[in-house]
Amino acid sequence: MLAFALPYTLHVIAALVWVGGMFFAWLVLRPATVAALEGPARLRLWVEVFRRFFGWVWLAVAILAISGIGMLHMRFSSFETAPKYVQVMIGGGIAMFALFMRIQALLLPELRAAVQAEDWPAGAAVLGRIRRMVGINLLLGLAVVAVASSRLML
């Protein structure tokens, strides 16, 4: 059981970084930036926030994948023999990663380009799309955490 403790701990910490970061960004940082900053400054700030946070998300994704696969094989030997809640967590993680990739690969470059061109309306529109995707990803992340913590048999 001691061999299971390290990957499990790393897995939980990585999930906390990713889901907790989205929670903070969506429910605390976003409203604060709206209250305190004008549009151009807010958009510039978000470009920097995403640059810094996404580095941590990439690390979290790597740790989640490595520790998750390790625990899967240590405990259940394969995906097919894993309980339904583990399969649901894996599916949720894949969906979260797909949304993150859409933001990282498609929307973030669009936001950077709009900010660099000082096209504030276009930047605001892209930021709105990113906000919606982060909100969906946050809900997915919270659902995965709920499944993981309650070990629901779905």
Protein backbone atom coordinates (compact mmCIF):
# COMPACT_ATOMS: atom_id res chain seq x y z
CA MET A 1 0.00 0.00 0.00
CA LEU A 2 2.97 2.32 0.57
CA ALA A 3 3.87 2.10 -3.14
CA PHE A 4 0.37 3.39 -3.91
CA ALA A 5 0.69 6.39 -1.56
CA LEU A 6 3.11 8.44 -3.69
CA PRO A 7 1.22 8.28 -7.01
CA TYR A 8 -2.07 8.83 -5.19
CA THR A 9 -0.72 11.91 -3.38
CA LEU A 10 0.76 13.35 -6.57
CA HIS A 11 -2.51 12.67 -8.39
CA VAL A 12 -4.57 14.52 -5.78
CA ILE A 13 -2.16 17.47 -5.67
CA ALA A 14 -2.17 17.77 -9.48
CA ALA A 15 -5.97 17.70 -9.55
CA LEU A 16 -6.09 20.38 -6.85
CA VAL A 17 -3.72 22.61 -8.83
CA TRP A 18 -5.78 22.33 -12.03
CA VAL A 19 -9.32 22.40 -10.64
CA GLY A 20 -8.45 24.81 -7.83
CA GLY A 21 -6.77 27.14 -10.30
CA MET A 22 -9.86 27.18 -12.49
CA PHE A 23 -12.07 27.79 -9.44
CA PHE A 24 -9.90 30.72 -8.36
CA ALA A 25 -9.70 32.19 -11.87
CA TRP A 26 -13.40 31.87 -12.61
CA LEU A 27 -14.94 32.82 -9.27
CA VAL A 28 -12.37 35.18 -7.74
CA LEU A 29 -9.90 36.62 -10.24
CA ARG A 30 -12.35 37.27 -13.09
CA PRO A 31 -14.83 39.31 -11.02
CA ALA A 32 -11.94 41.20 -9.38
CA THR A 33 -10.42 42.12 -12.75
CA VAL A 34 -13.80 43.32 -14.03
CA ALA A 35 -14.18 45.54 -10.96
CA ALA A 36 -10.63 46.90 -10.93
CA LEU A 37 -9.37 47.11 -14.51
CA GLU A 38 -10.40 48.68 -17.79
CA GLY A 39 -10.77 46.41 -20.85
CA PRO A 40 -7.25 46.72 -22.34
CA ALA A 41 -5.49 46.22 -19.00
CA ARG A 42 -7.80 43.31 -18.16
CA LEU A 43 -7.04 41.59 -21.46
CA ARG A 44 -3.29 42.07 -21.02
CA LEU A 45 -3.53 40.65 -17.52
CA TRP A 46 -5.39 37.55 -18.74
CA VAL A 47 -2.76 36.87 -21.40
CA GLU A 48 -0.15 36.82 -18.61
CA VAL A 49 -2.35 34.80 -16.24
CA PHE A 50 -2.97 32.14 -18.89
CA ARG A 51 0.72 31.98 -19.80
CA ARG A 52 1.69 31.32 -16.20
CA PHE A 53 -1.24 29.08 -15.22
CA PHE A 54 -1.11 26.92 -18.34
CA GLY A 55 2.47 25.95 -17.51
CA TRP A 56 1.16 24.57 -14.23
CA VAL A 57 -1.75 22.89 -16.00
CA TRP A 58 0.66 21.09 -18.37
CA LEU A 59 2.61 19.83 -15.36
CA ALA A 60 -0.64 18.78 -13.65
CA VAL A 61 -1.83 16.97 -16.78
CA ALA A 62 1.44 15.06 -17.03
CA ILE A 63 1.34 14.09 -13.36
CA LEU A 64 -2.33 13.11 -13.59
CA ALA A 65 -1.71 10.91 -16.63
CA ILE A 66 1.41 9.22 -15.26
CA SER A 67 0.09 8.70 -11.73
CA GLY A 68 -3.36 7.68 -12.99
CA ILE A 69 -2.00 5.04 -15.36
CA GLY A 70 0.36 3.84 -12.65
CA MET A 71 -2.43 3.50 -10.08
CA LEU A 72 -4.70 1.86 -12.64
CA HIS A 73 -2.16 -0.87 -13.30
CA MET A 74 -1.12 -1.22 -9.66
CA ARG A 75 -4.66 -1.62 -8.42
CA PHE A 76 -6.80 -2.98 -11.26
CA SER A 77 -4.32 -4.24 -13.88
CA SER A 78 -6.22 -2.69 -16.81
CA PHE A 79 -8.91 -0.23 -17.87
CA GLU A 80 -11.36 -3.05 -18.55
CA THR A 81 -11.10 -4.45 -15.02
CA ALA A 82 -11.26 -1.05 -13.30
CA PRO A 83 -14.50 -0.12 -11.53
CA LYS A 84 -16.97 2.15 -13.30
CA TYR A 85 -16.03 5.18 -11.16
CA VAL A 86 -12.41 4.90 -12.36
CA GLN A 87 -13.58 4.71 -15.97
CA VAL A 88 -15.78 7.77 -15.42
CA MET A 89 -12.82 9.66 -13.93
CA ILE A 90 -10.66 8.76 -16.93
CA GLY A 91 -13.38 9.88 -19.35
CA GLY A 92 -13.85 13.13 -17.45
CA GLY A 93 -10.10 13.74 -17.47
CA ILE A 94 -9.94 13.17 -21.22
CA ALA A 95 -12.83 15.60 -21.78
CA MET A 96 -11.12 18.18 -19.55
CA PHE A 97 -7.87 17.79 -21.45
CA ALA A 98 -9.68 18.21 -24.78
CA LEU A 99 -11.24 21.49 -23.61
CA PHE A 100 -7.90 22.67 -22.26
CA MET A 101 -6.26 21.88 -25.60
CA ARG A 102 -8.95 23.85 -27.44
CA ILE A 103 -8.23 26.86 -25.24
CA GLN A 104 -4.44 26.45 -25.41
CA ALA A 105 -4.11 25.71 -29.13
CA LEU A 106 -6.93 27.74 -30.66
CA LEU A 107 -8.31 30.44 -28.39
CA LEU A 108 -5.20 31.61 -26.56
CA PRO A 109 -3.28 32.42 -29.76
CA GLU A 110 -6.36 34.32 -30.95
CA LEU A 111 -6.44 36.29 -27.68
CA ARG A 112 -2.72 37.06 -27.89
CA ALA A 113 -3.09 38.27 -31.47
CA ALA A 114 -6.03 40.52 -30.58
CA VAL A 115 -4.17 42.03 -27.62
CA GLN A 116 -1.01 42.55 -29.66
CA ALA A 117 -3.05 44.27 -32.39
CA GLU A 118 -4.91 46.25 -29.71
CA ASP A 119 -8.20 44.96 -31.12
CA TRP A 120 -10.01 45.17 -27.80
CA PRO A 121 -13.49 44.11 -29.01
CA ALA A 122 -12.04 40.97 -30.64
CA GLY A 123 -9.97 40.25 -27.53
CA ALA A 124 -13.02 40.63 -25.30
CA ALA A 125 -14.99 38.24 -27.50
CA VAL A 126 -12.24 35.60 -27.36
CA LEU A 127 -11.88 36.04 -23.61
CA GLY A 128 -15.62 35.47 -23.28
CA ARG A 129 -15.30 32.16 -25.18
CA ILE A 130 -12.35 31.15 -23.01
CA ARG A 131 -14.35 32.02 -19.89
CA ARG A 132 -17.23 29.77 -20.99
CA MET A 133 -14.87 26.88 -21.74
CA VAL A 134 -13.08 27.28 -18.42
CA GLY A 135 -16.49 27.28 -16.72
CA ILE A 136 -17.42 24.02 -18.43
CA ASN A 137 -14.03 22.55 -17.57
CA LEU A 138 -14.44 23.64 -13.96
CA LEU A 139 -17.81 21.88 -13.76
CA LEU A 140 -16.29 18.75 -15.30
CA GLY A 141 -13.39 18.91 -12.86
CA LEU A 142 -15.70 19.28 -9.88
CA ALA A 143 -17.77 16.34 -11.14
CA VAL A 144 -14.63 14.18 -11.50
CA VAL A 145 -13.56 15.14 -7.98
CA ALA A 146 -17.04 14.29 -6.68
CA VAL A 147 -16.92 10.88 -8.37
CA ALA A 148 -13.40 10.26 -7.09
CA SER A 149 -14.16 11.28 -3.53
CA SER A 150 -17.45 9.41 -3.26
CA ARG A 151 -16.44 6.48 -5.48
CA LEU A 152 -19.89 6.37 -7.00
CA MET A 153 -20.68 3.21 -8.83
CA LEU A 154 -22.13 4.64 -12.03
